[in-house]
Amino acid sequence: MEWKLFADLAEIAGDRVVAVDVEPGDTVGDALGALLEARPELRERVLDDGDVADHINVLRNGSNVHHEDGMETGLDAGDELALFPPVSGG
């Protein structure tokens, strides 16, 4: 499965797409753990006291997992995962 990273998260990780070793039936939390293991430099930007920071959006198939089961949201084959930091525009 792959994570798509946006804005400064992609810069910190050194890539916009990072493959992680998770399977259908695992959770978004498992996938995030695998991402942070593969790219530990993201940990400080993504986590706050061990939890996903309030300003980081975690998406599964375009929907914020906050509106599902949070980090316990189950993964299905073909899911698309993404991390978005806050974005401002004008």
N, C-alpha and C. Protein backbone atom coordinates (compact mmCIF):
# COMPACT_ATOMS: atom_id res chain seq x y z
N MET A 1 0.86 -1.16 0.00
CA MET A 1 0.00 0.00 0.00
C MET A 1 0.91 1.23 0.00
N GLU A 2 0.39 2.34 -0.47
CA GLU A 2 1.18 3.56 -0.56
C GLU A 2 0.52 4.72 0.16
N TRP A 3 1.37 5.56 0.73
CA TRP A 3 0.94 6.84 1.27
C TRP A 3 1.28 7.92 0.26
N LYS A 4 0.37 8.83 0.04
CA LYS A 4 0.66 10.03 -0.75
C LYS A 4 0.84 11.16 0.26
N LEU A 5 1.95 11.85 0.11
CA LEU A 5 2.30 12.92 1.04
C LEU A 5 2.24 14.25 0.31
N PHE A 6 1.78 15.29 1.00
CA PHE A 6 1.59 16.58 0.37
C PHE A 6 2.33 17.66 1.13
N ALA A 7 2.63 18.73 0.39
CA ALA A 7 3.28 19.93 0.91
C ALA A 7 4.60 19.58 1.61
N ASP A 8 4.82 20.15 2.80
CA ASP A 8 6.11 19.93 3.46
C ASP A 8 6.33 18.49 3.90
N LEU A 9 5.27 17.71 4.03
CA LEU A 9 5.44 16.30 4.40
C LEU A 9 6.22 15.55 3.32
N ALA A 10 5.93 15.84 2.06
CA ALA A 10 6.66 15.23 0.95
C ALA A 10 8.12 15.68 0.97
N GLU A 11 8.35 16.94 1.27
CA GLU A 11 9.71 17.45 1.34
C GLU A 11 10.49 16.77 2.46
N ILE A 12 9.88 16.65 3.62
CA ILE A 12 10.54 16.02 4.77
C ILE A 12 10.86 14.56 4.48
N ALA A 13 9.91 13.86 3.86
CA ALA A 13 10.09 12.42 3.57
C ALA A 13 11.02 12.18 2.39
N GLY A 14 11.20 13.21 1.55
CA GLY A 14 12.05 13.05 0.38
C GLY A 14 11.34 12.42 -0.79
N ASP A 15 10.02 12.30 -0.71
CA ASP A 15 9.24 11.71 -1.81
C ASP A 15 7.77 12.01 -1.59
N ARG A 16 7.01 12.06 -2.67
CA ARG A 16 5.56 12.31 -2.57
C ARG A 16 4.77 11.02 -2.34
N VAL A 17 5.38 9.87 -2.64
CA VAL A 17 4.72 8.57 -2.46
C VAL A 17 5.68 7.65 -1.73
N VAL A 18 5.18 7.02 -0.67
CA VAL A 18 5.98 6.09 0.12
C VAL A 18 5.20 4.79 0.26
N ALA A 19 5.78 3.69 -0.21
CA ALA A 19 5.15 2.37 -0.07
C ALA A 19 5.40 1.83 1.33
N VAL A 20 4.38 1.20 1.91
CA VAL A 20 4.50 0.57 3.22
C VAL A 20 3.98 -0.85 3.15
N ASP A 21 4.48 -1.67 4.04
CA ASP A 21 4.13 -3.09 4.05
C ASP A 21 2.96 -3.34 4.99
N VAL A 22 1.75 -3.13 4.50
CA VAL A 22 0.52 -3.45 5.24
C VAL A 22 -0.41 -4.21 4.31
N GLU A 23 -1.34 -4.90 4.90
CA GLU A 23 -2.25 -5.76 4.15
C GLU A 23 -3.70 -5.36 4.42
N PRO A 24 -4.62 -5.73 3.52
CA PRO A 24 -6.04 -5.56 3.83
C PRO A 24 -6.35 -6.21 5.18
N GLY A 25 -7.13 -5.54 5.98
CA GLY A 25 -7.44 -6.02 7.32
C GLY A 25 -6.63 -5.31 8.39
N ASP A 26 -5.46 -4.77 8.00
CA ASP A 26 -4.71 -3.92 8.92
C ASP A 26 -5.48 -2.61 9.06
N THR A 27 -5.00 -1.73 9.93
CA THR A 27 -5.68 -0.46 10.16
C THR A 27 -4.87 0.70 9.59
N VAL A 28 -5.52 1.85 9.51
CA VAL A 28 -4.83 3.06 9.12
C VAL A 28 -3.68 3.34 10.10
N GLY A 29 -3.91 3.06 11.37
CA GLY A 29 -2.86 3.22 12.38
C GLY A 29 -1.66 2.33 12.10
N ASP A 30 -1.91 1.09 11.65
CA ASP A 30 -0.81 0.20 11.27
C ASP A 30 -0.03 0.79 10.10
N ALA A 31 -0.76 1.32 9.13
CA ALA A 31 -0.12 1.90 7.95
C ALA A 31 0.67 3.14 8.32
N LEU A 32 0.14 3.95 9.23
CA LEU A 32 0.88 5.14 9.66
C LEU A 32 2.13 4.73 10.42
N GLY A 33 2.02 3.72 11.26
CA GLY A 33 3.20 3.22 11.98
C GLY A 33 4.27 2.74 11.01
N ALA A 34 3.86 2.05 9.95
CA ALA A 34 4.81 1.57 8.95
C ALA A 34 5.45 2.75 8.21
N LEU A 35 4.66 3.79 7.93
CA LEU A 35 5.20 4.98 7.28
C LEU A 35 6.24 5.65 8.16
N LEU A 36 5.93 5.82 9.44
CA LEU A 36 6.85 6.49 10.35
C LEU A 36 8.09 5.65 10.62
N GLU A 37 7.97 4.34 10.50
CA GLU A 37 9.14 3.47 10.62
C GLU A 37 10.03 3.63 9.39
N ALA A 38 9.40 3.72 8.22
CA ALA A 38 10.16 3.88 6.97
C ALA A 38 10.74 5.28 6.83
N ARG A 39 10.05 6.28 7.35
CA ARG A 39 10.48 7.68 7.24
C ARG A 39 10.39 8.34 8.63
N PRO A 40 11.30 7.97 9.55
CA PRO A 40 11.22 8.49 10.93
C PRO A 40 11.32 10.01 11.03
N GLU A 41 11.85 10.65 10.00
CA GLU A 41 11.95 12.10 10.02
C GLU A 41 10.57 12.78 10.01
N LEU A 42 9.53 12.05 9.65
CA LEU A 42 8.16 12.59 9.67
C LEU A 42 7.55 12.60 11.06
N ARG A 43 8.07 11.79 11.94
CA ARG A 43 7.46 11.58 13.27
C ARG A 43 7.19 12.91 13.99
N GLU A 44 8.17 13.77 14.05
CA GLU A 44 8.02 15.03 14.80
C GLU A 44 6.95 15.93 14.18
N ARG A 45 6.82 15.90 12.85
CA ARG A 45 5.85 16.76 12.16
C ARG A 45 4.43 16.20 12.23
N VAL A 46 4.30 14.87 12.28
CA VAL A 46 2.99 14.22 12.20
C VAL A 46 2.39 13.94 13.57
N LEU A 47 3.22 13.60 14.54
CA LEU A 47 2.72 13.20 15.86
C LEU A 47 2.86 14.31 16.89
N ASP A 48 1.94 14.29 17.86
CA ASP A 48 1.97 15.17 19.02
C ASP A 48 1.67 14.31 20.23
N ASP A 49 2.66 14.10 21.07
CA ASP A 49 2.53 13.22 22.25
C ASP A 49 2.05 11.82 21.86
N GLY A 50 2.54 11.30 20.74
CA GLY A 50 2.23 9.94 20.32
C GLY A 50 0.97 9.78 19.50
N ASP A 51 0.16 10.83 19.42
CA ASP A 51 -1.06 10.80 18.61
C ASP A 51 -0.87 11.68 17.38
N VAL A 52 -1.68 11.45 16.36
CA VAL A 52 -1.62 12.30 15.18
C VAL A 52 -1.98 13.72 15.60
N ALA A 53 -1.14 14.66 15.22
CA ALA A 53 -1.37 16.06 15.57
C ALA A 53 -2.70 16.53 14.98
N ASP A 54 -3.35 17.43 15.70
CA ASP A 54 -4.67 17.93 15.28
C ASP A 54 -4.66 18.55 13.90
N HIS A 55 -3.53 19.14 13.51
CA HIS A 55 -3.47 19.86 12.24
C HIS A 55 -3.11 18.96 11.05
N ILE A 56 -2.92 17.67 11.28
CA ILE A 56 -2.60 16.73 10.19
C ILE A 56 -3.87 15.98 9.81
N ASN A 57 -4.20 16.01 8.53
CA ASN A 57 -5.35 15.28 8.03
C ASN A 57 -4.91 13.93 7.49
N VAL A 58 -5.55 12.87 7.96
CA VAL A 58 -5.26 11.51 7.51
C VAL A 58 -6.47 11.06 6.68
N LEU A 59 -6.21 10.79 5.40
CA LEU A 59 -7.30 10.43 4.49
C LEU A 59 -7.16 9.00 4.00
N ARG A 60 -8.31 8.34 3.90
CA ARG A 60 -8.42 7.02 3.28
C ARG A 60 -9.45 7.16 2.17
N ASN A 61 -9.03 6.95 0.95
CA ASN A 61 -9.91 7.09 -0.22
C ASN A 61 -10.59 8.46 -0.26
N GLY A 62 -9.81 9.49 0.10
CA GLY A 62 -10.31 10.86 0.01
C GLY A 62 -11.14 11.33 1.18
N SER A 63 -11.43 10.46 2.15
CA SER A 63 -12.23 10.84 3.31
C SER A 63 -11.36 10.86 4.56
N ASN A 64 -11.57 11.88 5.38
CA ASN A 64 -10.83 11.98 6.62
C ASN A 64 -11.23 10.83 7.53
N VAL A 65 -10.24 10.09 8.04
CA VAL A 65 -10.54 8.93 8.89
C VAL A 65 -11.17 9.35 10.21
N HIS A 66 -11.09 10.63 10.54
CA HIS A 66 -11.76 11.15 11.73
C HIS A 66 -13.26 10.90 11.65
N HIS A 67 -13.79 10.87 10.42
CA HIS A 67 -15.23 10.65 10.22
C HIS A 67 -15.58 9.16 10.12
N GLU A 68 -14.56 8.29 10.21
CA GLU A 68 -14.80 6.84 10.22
C GLU A 68 -14.45 6.34 11.61
N ASP A 69 -13.52 5.39 11.71
CA ASP A 69 -13.11 4.86 13.01
C ASP A 69 -11.74 5.37 13.42
N GLY A 70 -11.36 6.54 12.92
CA GLY A 70 -10.07 7.11 13.27
C GLY A 70 -8.94 6.20 12.82
N MET A 71 -7.94 6.09 13.65
CA MET A 71 -6.77 5.29 13.31
C MET A 71 -7.09 3.79 13.31
N GLU A 72 -8.24 3.41 13.84
CA GLU A 72 -8.67 2.02 13.83
C GLU A 72 -9.43 1.65 12.55
N THR A 73 -9.58 2.59 11.64
CA THR A 73 -10.26 2.34 10.38
C THR A 73 -9.54 1.22 9.63
N GLY A 74 -10.29 0.20 9.24
CA GLY A 74 -9.71 -0.94 8.53
C GLY A 74 -9.36 -0.62 7.10
N LEU A 75 -8.36 -1.31 6.58
CA LEU A 75 -7.91 -1.12 5.21
C LEU A 75 -8.43 -2.23 4.30
N ASP A 76 -8.79 -1.84 3.09
CA ASP A 76 -9.20 -2.79 2.05
C ASP A 76 -8.18 -2.72 0.93
N ALA A 77 -8.11 -3.77 0.13
CA ALA A 77 -7.22 -3.78 -1.03
C ALA A 77 -7.55 -2.59 -1.92
N GLY A 78 -6.53 -1.91 -2.40
CA GLY A 78 -6.72 -0.79 -3.30
C GLY A 78 -6.98 0.54 -2.63
N ASP A 79 -7.01 0.59 -1.31
CA ASP A 79 -7.22 1.86 -0.62
C ASP A 79 -6.10 2.84 -0.95
N GLU A 80 -6.46 4.11 -0.99
CA GLU A 80 -5.50 5.19 -1.17
C GLU A 80 -5.39 5.95 0.15
N LEU A 81 -4.17 6.07 0.62
CA LEU A 81 -3.91 6.77 1.88
C LEU A 81 -3.17 8.07 1.59
N ALA A 82 -3.50 9.10 2.36
CA ALA A 82 -2.85 10.40 2.16
C ALA A 82 -2.72 11.14 3.47
N LEU A 83 -1.65 11.93 3.56
CA LEU A 83 -1.42 12.83 4.70
C LEU A 83 -1.35 14.25 4.17
N PHE A 84 -2.15 15.12 4.75
CA PHE A 84 -2.19 16.54 4.38
C PHE A 84 -1.90 17.38 5.59
N PRO A 85 -0.92 18.26 5.50
CA PRO A 85 -0.76 19.27 6.56
C PRO A 85 -1.76 20.39 6.29
N PRO A 86 -1.88 21.35 7.21
CA PRO A 86 -2.77 22.48 6.94
C PRO A 86 -2.28 23.23 5.70
N VAL A 87 -3.21 23.70 4.91
CA VAL A 87 -2.88 24.42 3.69
C VAL A 87 -3.61 25.76 3.73
N SER A 88 -2.88 26.80 3.46
CA SER A 88 -3.54 28.12 3.39
C SER A 88 -3.41 28.65 1.97
N GLY A 89 -4.29 29.50 1.64
CA GLY A 89 -4.26 30.09 0.31
C GLY A 89 -4.81 31.50 0.36
N GLY A 90 -4.82 32.08 -0.77
CA GLY A 90 -5.33 33.43 -0.76
C GLY A 90 -5.55 33.97 -2.14
